[in-house]
All heavy atoms as atom14 arrays in JSON, in Angstrom:
{
  "sequence": "AFAGGIIAPGVALGARSLTAAAARLPMIELRAPERVIG",
  "atom14_mask": [
    [1, 1, 1, 1, 1, 0, 0, 0, 0, 0, 0, 0, 0, 0],
    [1, 1, 1, 1, 1, 1, 1, 1, 1, 1, 1, 0, 0, 0],
    [1, 1, 1, 1, 1, 0, 0, 0, 0, 0, 0, 0, 0, 0],
    [1, 1, 1, 1, 0, 0, 0, 0, 0, 0, 0, 0, 0, 0],
    [1, 1, 1, 1, 0, 0, 0, 0, 0, 0, 0, 0, 0, 0],
    [1, 1, 1, 1, 1, 1, 1, 1, 0, 0, 0, 0, 0, 0],
    [1, 1, 1, 1, 1, 1, 1, 1, 0, 0, 0, 0, 0, 0],
    [1, 1, 1, 1, 1, 0, 0, 0, 0, 0, 0, 0, 0, 0],
    [1, 1, 1, 1, 1, 1, 1, 0, 0, 0, 0, 0, 0, 0],
    [1, 1, 1, 1, 0, 0, 0, 0, 0, 0, 0, 0, 0, 0],
    [1, 1, 1, 1, 1, 1, 1, 0, 0, 0, 0, 0, 0, 0],
    [1, 1, 1, 1, 1, 0, 0, 0, 0, 0, 0, 0, 0, 0],
    [1, 1, 1, 1, 1, 1, 1, 1, 0, 0, 0, 0, 0, 0],
    [1, 1, 1, 1, 0, 0, 0, 0, 0, 0, 0, 0, 0, 0],
    [1, 1, 1, 1, 1, 0, 0, 0, 0, 0, 0, 0, 0, 0],
    [1, 1, 1, 1, 1, 1, 1, 1, 1, 1, 1, 0, 0, 0],
    [1, 1, 1, 1, 1, 1, 0, 0, 0, 0, 0, 0, 0, 0],
    [1, 1, 1, 1, 1, 1, 1, 1, 0, 0, 0, 0, 0, 0],
    [1, 1, 1, 1, 1, 1, 1, 0, 0, 0, 0, 0, 0, 0],
    [1, 1, 1, 1, 1, 0, 0, 0, 0, 0, 0, 0, 0, 0],
    [1, 1, 1, 1, 1, 0, 0, 0, 0, 0, 0, 0, 0, 0],
    [1, 1, 1, 1, 1, 0, 0, 0, 0, 0, 0, 0, 0, 0],
    [1, 1, 1, 1, 1, 0, 0, 0, 0, 0, 0, 0, 0, 0],
    [1, 1, 1, 1, 1, 1, 1, 1, 1, 1, 1, 0, 0, 0],
    [1, 1, 1, 1, 1, 1, 1, 1, 0, 0, 0, 0, 0, 0],
    [1, 1, 1, 1, 1, 1, 1, 0, 0, 0, 0, 0, 0, 0],
    [1, 1, 1, 1, 1, 1, 1, 1, 0, 0, 0, 0, 0, 0],
    [1, 1, 1, 1, 1, 1, 1, 1, 0, 0, 0, 0, 0, 0],
    [1, 1, 1, 1, 1, 1, 1, 1, 1, 0, 0, 0, 0, 0],
    [1, 1, 1, 1, 1, 1, 1, 1, 0, 0, 0, 0, 0, 0],
    [1, 1, 1, 1, 1, 1, 1, 1, 1, 1, 1, 0, 0, 0],
    [1, 1, 1, 1, 1, 0, 0, 0, 0, 0, 0, 0, 0, 0],
    [1, 1, 1, 1, 1, 1, 1, 0, 0, 0, 0, 0, 0, 0],
    [1, 1, 1, 1, 1, 1, 1, 1, 1, 0, 0, 0, 0, 0],
    [1, 1, 1, 1, 1, 1, 1, 1, 1, 1, 1, 0, 0, 0],
    [1, 1, 1, 1, 1, 1, 1, 0, 0, 0, 0, 0, 0, 0],
    [1, 1, 1, 1, 1, 1, 1, 1, 0, 0, 0, 0, 0, 0],
    [1, 1, 1, 1, 0, 0, 0, 0, 0, 0, 0, 0, 0, 0]
  ],
  "atom14_positions": [
    [[0.82, -1.22, -0.01], [0.03, 0.06, -0.06], [0.86, 1.26, -0.03], [2.03, 1.25, 0.47], [-0.94, -0.01, 1.23], [0.0, 0.0, 0.0], [0.0, 0.0, 0.0], [0.0, 0.0, 0.0], [0.0, 0.0, 0.0], [0.0, 0.0, 0.0], [0.0, 0.0, 0.0], [0.0, 0.0, 0.0], [0.0, 0.0, 0.0], [0.0, 0.0, 0.0]],
    [[0.28, 2.26, -0.51], [0.96, 3.64, -0.45], [0.78, 4.16, 0.97], [-0.36, 4.51, 1.45], [0.4, 4.61, -1.49], [0.96, 6.01, -1.42], [2.16, 6.27, -2.08], [0.32, 7.03, -0.74], [2.74, 7.47, -2.06], [0.81, 8.33, -0.71], [2.06, 8.59, -1.34], [0.0, 0.0, 0.0], [0.0, 0.0, 0.0], [0.0, 0.0, 0.0]],
    [[1.84, 4.27, 1.67], [1.8, 4.51, 3.18], [1.9, 6.01, 3.41], [1.58, 6.48, 4.49], [3.0, 3.86, 3.92], [0.0, 0.0, 0.0], [0.0, 0.0, 0.0], [0.0, 0.0, 0.0], [0.0, 0.0, 0.0], [0.0, 0.0, 0.0], [0.0, 0.0, 0.0], [0.0, 0.0, 0.0], [0.0, 0.0, 0.0], [0.0, 0.0, 0.0]],
    [[2.35, 6.75, 2.47], [2.37, 8.27, 2.63], [3.72, 8.78, 2.16], [4.42, 7.89, 1.38], [0.0, 0.0, 0.0], [0.0, 0.0, 0.0], [0.0, 0.0, 0.0], [0.0, 0.0, 0.0], [0.0, 0.0, 0.0], [0.0, 0.0, 0.0], [0.0, 0.0, 0.0], [0.0, 0.0, 0.0], [0.0, 0.0, 0.0], [0.0, 0.0, 0.0]],
    [[4.22, 9.8, 2.53], [5.57, 10.24, 2.16], [5.97, 11.68, 2.71], [5.42, 12.11, 3.69], [0.0, 0.0, 0.0], [0.0, 0.0, 0.0], [0.0, 0.0, 0.0], [0.0, 0.0, 0.0], [0.0, 0.0, 0.0], [0.0, 0.0, 0.0], [0.0, 0.0, 0.0], [0.0, 0.0, 0.0], [0.0, 0.0, 0.0], [0.0, 0.0, 0.0]],
    [[6.91, 12.34, 1.98], [7.53, 13.57, 2.43], [7.51, 14.47, 1.29], [7.89, 14.01, 0.19], [8.85, 13.16, 3.04], [8.7, 12.33, 4.3], [9.52, 14.51, 3.41], [10.08, 11.8, 4.74], [0.0, 0.0, 0.0], [0.0, 0.0, 0.0], [0.0, 0.0, 0.0], [0.0, 0.0, 0.0], [0.0, 0.0, 0.0], [0.0, 0.0, 0.0]],
    [[7.27, 15.69, 1.39], [7.38, 16.8, 0.45], [8.26, 17.84, 0.98], [8.0, 18.5, 2.01], [6.0, 17.31, -0.13], [5.15, 16.18, -0.57], [6.14, 18.4, -1.15], [3.69, 16.61, -0.91], [0.0, 0.0, 0.0], [0.0, 0.0, 0.0], [0.0, 0.0, 0.0], [0.0, 0.0, 0.0], [0.0, 0.0, 0.0], [0.0, 0.0, 0.0]],
    [[9.42, 18.18, 0.29], [10.29, 19.25, 0.7], [10.72, 20.09, -0.59], [10.6, 19.69, -1.77], [11.47, 18.65, 1.33], [0.0, 0.0, 0.0], [0.0, 0.0, 0.0], [0.0, 0.0, 0.0], [0.0, 0.0, 0.0], [0.0, 0.0, 0.0], [0.0, 0.0, 0.0], [0.0, 0.0, 0.0], [0.0, 0.0, 0.0], [0.0, 0.0, 0.0]],
    [[11.25, 21.25, -0.31], [11.72, 22.06, -1.51], [12.85, 21.29, -2.28], [13.69, 20.71, -1.67], [12.29, 23.34, -0.73], [11.56, 23.44, 0.48], [11.38, 22.0, 0.93], [0.0, 0.0, 0.0], [0.0, 0.0, 0.0], [0.0, 0.0, 0.0], [0.0, 0.0, 0.0], [0.0, 0.0, 0.0], [0.0, 0.0, 0.0], [0.0, 0.0, 0.0]],
    [[12.8, 21.34, -3.51], [13.74, 20.77, -4.42], [15.03, 21.55, -4.35], [15.09, 22.71, -3.8], [0.0, 0.0, 0.0], [0.0, 0.0, 0.0], [0.0, 0.0, 0.0], [0.0, 0.0, 0.0], [0.0, 0.0, 0.0], [0.0, 0.0, 0.0], [0.0, 0.0, 0.0], [0.0, 0.0, 0.0], [0.0, 0.0, 0.0], [0.0, 0.0, 0.0]],
    [[16.16, 21.04, -4.72], [17.49, 21.64, -4.67], [17.54, 22.89, -5.41], [18.25, 23.94, -4.9], [18.61, 20.57, -5.05], [18.58, 20.15, -6.44], [19.94, 21.16, -4.66], [0.0, 0.0, 0.0], [0.0, 0.0, 0.0], [0.0, 0.0, 0.0], [0.0, 0.0, 0.0], [0.0, 0.0, 0.0], [0.0, 0.0, 0.0], [0.0, 0.0, 0.0]],
    [[17.07, 22.98, -6.64], [17.09, 24.16, -7.41], [16.28, 25.28, -6.74], [16.65, 26.37, -6.82], [16.75, 23.94, -8.82], [0.0, 0.0, 0.0], [0.0, 0.0, 0.0], [0.0, 0.0, 0.0], [0.0, 0.0, 0.0], [0.0, 0.0, 0.0], [0.0, 0.0, 0.0], [0.0, 0.0, 0.0], [0.0, 0.0, 0.0], [0.0, 0.0, 0.0]],
    [[15.13, 24.84, -6.29], [14.29, 25.82, -5.67], [14.95, 26.34, -4.3], [14.82, 27.65, -4.09], [12.96, 25.15, -5.31], [11.89, 25.97, -4.42], [11.49, 27.24, -5.33], [10.68, 25.28, -4.21], [0.0, 0.0, 0.0], [0.0, 0.0, 0.0], [0.0, 0.0, 0.0], [0.0, 0.0, 0.0], [0.0, 0.0, 0.0], [0.0, 0.0, 0.0]],
    [[15.62, 25.6, -3.66], [16.43, 26.06, -2.51], [17.31, 27.02, -2.77], [17.62, 28.03, -2.14], [0.0, 0.0, 0.0], [0.0, 0.0, 0.0], [0.0, 0.0, 0.0], [0.0, 0.0, 0.0], [0.0, 0.0, 0.0], [0.0, 0.0, 0.0], [0.0, 0.0, 0.0], [0.0, 0.0, 0.0], [0.0, 0.0, 0.0], [0.0, 0.0, 0.0]],
    [[18.22, 26.75, -3.84], [19.22, 27.65, -4.29], [18.64, 29.06, -4.69], [19.19, 30.17, -4.51], [19.93, 27.09, -5.47], [0.0, 0.0, 0.0], [0.0, 0.0, 0.0], [0.0, 0.0, 0.0], [0.0, 0.0, 0.0], [0.0, 0.0, 0.0], [0.0, 0.0, 0.0], [0.0, 0.0, 0.0], [0.0, 0.0, 0.0], [0.0, 0.0, 0.0]],
    [[17.47, 28.9, -5.46], [16.91, 30.25, -6.01], [16.35, 31.01, -4.79], [16.43, 32.28, -4.83], [15.78, 29.89, -7.02], [16.23, 29.37, -8.32], [15.21, 29.48, -9.35], [14.03, 28.72, -9.04], [13.85, 27.42, -9.57], [14.87, 26.87, -10.18], [12.82, 26.74, -9.11], [0.0, 0.0, 0.0], [0.0, 0.0, 0.0], [0.0, 0.0, 0.0]],
    [[15.83, 30.37, -3.83], [15.34, 31.03, -2.62], [16.4, 31.83, -1.92], [16.27, 32.94, -1.44], [14.64, 30.07, -1.76], [13.47, 29.53, -2.24], [0.0, 0.0, 0.0], [0.0, 0.0, 0.0], [0.0, 0.0, 0.0], [0.0, 0.0, 0.0], [0.0, 0.0, 0.0], [0.0, 0.0, 0.0], [0.0, 0.0, 0.0], [0.0, 0.0, 0.0]],
    [[17.66, 31.19, -1.85], [18.69, 31.74, -1.1], [19.14, 33.14, -1.85], [19.25, 34.13, -1.33], [19.97, 30.84, -1.21], [20.21, 29.97, 0.01], [21.44, 29.11, -0.23], [20.21, 30.77, 1.34], [0.0, 0.0, 0.0], [0.0, 0.0, 0.0], [0.0, 0.0, 0.0], [0.0, 0.0, 0.0], [0.0, 0.0, 0.0], [0.0, 0.0, 0.0]],
    [[19.3, 33.09, -3.17], [19.56, 34.15, -4.02], [18.56, 35.36, -3.95], [18.81, 36.52, -3.8], [19.75, 33.76, -5.48], [20.74, 32.65, -5.5], [20.23, 34.97, -6.29], [0.0, 0.0, 0.0], [0.0, 0.0, 0.0], [0.0, 0.0, 0.0], [0.0, 0.0, 0.0], [0.0, 0.0, 0.0], [0.0, 0.0, 0.0], [0.0, 0.0, 0.0]],
    [[17.22, 34.87, -3.9], [16.18, 35.92, -3.89], [16.1, 36.55, -2.58], [15.8, 37.74, -2.43], [14.83, 35.33, -4.24], [0.0, 0.0, 0.0], [0.0, 0.0, 0.0], [0.0, 0.0, 0.0], [0.0, 0.0, 0.0], [0.0, 0.0, 0.0], [0.0, 0.0, 0.0], [0.0, 0.0, 0.0], [0.0, 0.0, 0.0], [0.0, 0.0, 0.0]],
    [[16.37, 35.94, -1.46], [16.18, 36.38, -0.16], [17.41, 37.18, 0.46], [17.28, 37.98, 1.38], [15.82, 35.26, 0.83], [0.0, 0.0, 0.0], [0.0, 0.0, 0.0], [0.0, 0.0, 0.0], [0.0, 0.0, 0.0], [0.0, 0.0, 0.0], [0.0, 0.0, 0.0], [0.0, 0.0, 0.0], [0.0, 0.0, 0.0], [0.0, 0.0, 0.0]],
    [[18.67, 36.96, -0.16], [19.79, 37.56, 0.41], [20.46, 38.29, -0.74], [20.99, 37.6, -1.72], [20.74, 36.57, 0.95], [0.0, 0.0, 0.0], [0.0, 0.0, 0.0], [0.0, 0.0, 0.0], [0.0, 0.0, 0.0], [0.0, 0.0, 0.0], [0.0, 0.0, 0.0], [0.0, 0.0, 0.0], [0.0, 0.0, 0.0], [0.0, 0.0, 0.0]],
    [[20.55, 39.6, -0.75], [21.06, 40.44, -1.77], [22.48, 40.14, -2.35], [22.72, 40.32, -3.49], [20.76, 41.96, -1.48], [0.0, 0.0, 0.0], [0.0, 0.0, 0.0], [0.0, 0.0, 0.0], [0.0, 0.0, 0.0], [0.0, 0.0, 0.0], [0.0, 0.0, 0.0], [0.0, 0.0, 0.0], [0.0, 0.0, 0.0], [0.0, 0.0, 0.0]],
    [[23.21, 39.73, -1.35], [24.71, 39.49, -1.76], [25.06, 38.1, -2.13], [26.18, 37.8, -2.45], [25.61, 39.91, -0.46], [25.46, 41.41, -0.19], [26.51, 41.74, 1.04], [27.8, 41.53, 0.42], [28.92, 41.82, 1.21], [28.68, 42.21, 2.52], [30.12, 41.69, 0.74], [0.0, 0.0, 0.0], [0.0, 0.0, 0.0], [0.0, 0.0, 0.0]],
    [[24.08, 37.17, -2.06], [24.35, 35.85, -2.48], [24.03, 35.72, -4.06], [23.0, 36.05, -4.44], [23.43, 34.84, -1.77], [23.74, 34.81, -0.18], [22.9, 33.81, 0.52], [25.21, 34.57, 0.16], [0.0, 0.0, 0.0], [0.0, 0.0, 0.0], [0.0, 0.0, 0.0], [0.0, 0.0, 0.0], [0.0, 0.0, 0.0], [0.0, 0.0, 0.0]],
    [[24.98, 35.21, -4.82], [24.82, 34.96, -6.16], [24.07, 33.76, -6.6], [23.82, 32.85, -5.69], [26.3, 34.98, -6.64], [27.02, 34.08, -5.52], [26.35, 34.67, -4.27], [0.0, 0.0, 0.0], [0.0, 0.0, 0.0], [0.0, 0.0, 0.0], [0.0, 0.0, 0.0], [0.0, 0.0, 0.0], [0.0, 0.0, 0.0], [0.0, 0.0, 0.0]],
    [[23.6, 33.77, -7.78], [23.1, 32.34, -8.33], [24.35, 31.5, -8.46], [25.47, 31.88, -8.77], [22.51, 32.69, -9.73], [21.21, 33.38, -9.66], [20.25, 33.25, -11.19], [21.41, 34.27, -12.14], [0.0, 0.0, 0.0], [0.0, 0.0, 0.0], [0.0, 0.0, 0.0], [0.0, 0.0, 0.0], [0.0, 0.0, 0.0], [0.0, 0.0, 0.0]],
    [[24.15, 30.18, -8.28], [25.28, 29.15, -8.28], [24.91, 28.15, -9.26], [23.76, 27.75, -9.57], [25.57, 28.61, -6.96], [24.26, 27.94, -6.34], [26.12, 29.8, -6.02], [24.54, 27.14, -5.07], [0.0, 0.0, 0.0], [0.0, 0.0, 0.0], [0.0, 0.0, 0.0], [0.0, 0.0, 0.0], [0.0, 0.0, 0.0], [0.0, 0.0, 0.0]],
    [[25.94, 27.36, -9.75], [25.86, 26.17, -10.43], [25.61, 25.06, -9.44], [26.36, 24.98, -8.51], [26.99, 25.87, -11.31], [26.78, 24.68, -12.35], [28.04, 24.45, -13.2], [29.05, 25.29, -13.17], [27.96, 23.61, -13.92], [0.0, 0.0, 0.0], [0.0, 0.0, 0.0], [0.0, 0.0, 0.0], [0.0, 0.0, 0.0], [0.0, 0.0, 0.0]],
    [[24.72, 24.25, -9.61], [24.35, 23.2, -8.62], [25.32, 22.0, -8.81], [24.95, 20.98, -9.57], [22.87, 22.67, -8.72], [21.92, 23.83, -8.28], [20.5, 23.42, -8.4], [22.23, 24.37, -6.86], [0.0, 0.0, 0.0], [0.0, 0.0, 0.0], [0.0, 0.0, 0.0], [0.0, 0.0, 0.0], [0.0, 0.0, 0.0], [0.0, 0.0, 0.0]],
    [[26.47, 22.01, -8.32], [27.33, 20.9, -8.38], [28.06, 20.85, -6.99], [28.09, 21.74, -6.23], [28.47, 21.2, -9.36], [29.41, 22.32, -9.03], [30.65, 22.35, -9.94], [30.3, 22.53, -11.39], [30.83, 21.92, -12.38], [31.93, 21.16, -12.14], [30.47, 22.21, -13.67], [0.0, 0.0, 0.0], [0.0, 0.0, 0.0], [0.0, 0.0, 0.0]],
    [[28.47, 19.66, -6.57], [28.98, 19.35, -5.33], [30.42, 19.9, -5.25], [31.14, 19.71, -6.08], [29.0, 17.83, -5.04], [0.0, 0.0, 0.0], [0.0, 0.0, 0.0], [0.0, 0.0, 0.0], [0.0, 0.0, 0.0], [0.0, 0.0, 0.0], [0.0, 0.0, 0.0], [0.0, 0.0, 0.0], [0.0, 0.0, 0.0], [0.0, 0.0, 0.0]],
    [[30.71, 20.67, -4.2], [32.1, 21.25, -4.04], [33.05, 20.16, -3.6], [32.62, 19.04, -3.26], [31.88, 22.3, -2.91], [30.79, 21.75, -2.1], [29.77, 20.98, -3.08], [0.0, 0.0, 0.0], [0.0, 0.0, 0.0], [0.0, 0.0, 0.0], [0.0, 0.0, 0.0], [0.0, 0.0, 0.0], [0.0, 0.0, 0.0], [0.0, 0.0, 0.0]],
    [[34.27, 20.46, -3.87], [35.43, 19.52, -3.49], [35.51, 19.21, -2.02], [35.98, 18.17, -1.61], [36.74, 19.98, -3.97], [36.79, 20.09, -5.47], [38.2, 20.54, -5.93], [39.0, 20.89, -5.1], [38.34, 20.66, -7.24], [0.0, 0.0, 0.0], [0.0, 0.0, 0.0], [0.0, 0.0, 0.0], [0.0, 0.0, 0.0], [0.0, 0.0, 0.0]],
    [[35.11, 20.21, -1.17], [35.1, 20.06, 0.33], [33.9, 20.7, 0.87], [33.15, 21.56, 0.33], [36.44, 20.67, 0.9], [36.49, 22.12, 0.45], [37.83, 22.71, 1.1], [38.93, 21.99, 0.54], [39.5, 22.42, -0.74], [39.0, 23.47, -1.31], [40.59, 21.9, -1.11], [0.0, 0.0, 0.0], [0.0, 0.0, 0.0], [0.0, 0.0, 0.0]],
    [[33.62, 20.13, 2.13], [32.32, 20.53, 2.8], [32.42, 22.04, 3.2], [31.59, 22.89, 3.24], [32.09, 19.7, 4.02], [30.82, 20.22, 4.72], [31.71, 18.27, 3.49], [0.0, 0.0, 0.0], [0.0, 0.0, 0.0], [0.0, 0.0, 0.0], [0.0, 0.0, 0.0], [0.0, 0.0, 0.0], [0.0, 0.0, 0.0], [0.0, 0.0, 0.0]],
    [[33.78, 22.35, 3.66], [33.95, 23.7, 4.2], [34.32, 24.67, 3.09], [35.37, 24.48, 2.59], [35.06, 23.83, 5.29], [34.69, 22.8, 6.48], [35.21, 25.27, 5.83], [35.88, 22.66, 7.48], [0.0, 0.0, 0.0], [0.0, 0.0, 0.0], [0.0, 0.0, 0.0], [0.0, 0.0, 0.0], [0.0, 0.0, 0.0], [0.0, 0.0, 0.0]],
    [[33.32, 25.53, 2.65], [33.56, 26.36, 1.63], [34.59, 27.46, 1.8], [34.54, 28.06, 2.89], [0.0, 0.0, 0.0], [0.0, 0.0, 0.0], [0.0, 0.0, 0.0], [0.0, 0.0, 0.0], [0.0, 0.0, 0.0], [0.0, 0.0, 0.0], [0.0, 0.0, 0.0], [0.0, 0.0, 0.0], [0.0, 0.0, 0.0], [0.0, 0.0, 0.0]]
  ]
}
């Protein structure tokens, strides 16, 4: 049976929200960086 699930913002939507909400944050290419600590 379909037991249910989870709905969350997608990765591209999350990135666009960051850029839209914070004036100094740029648009980014969605790729994994080489290290966690940017």
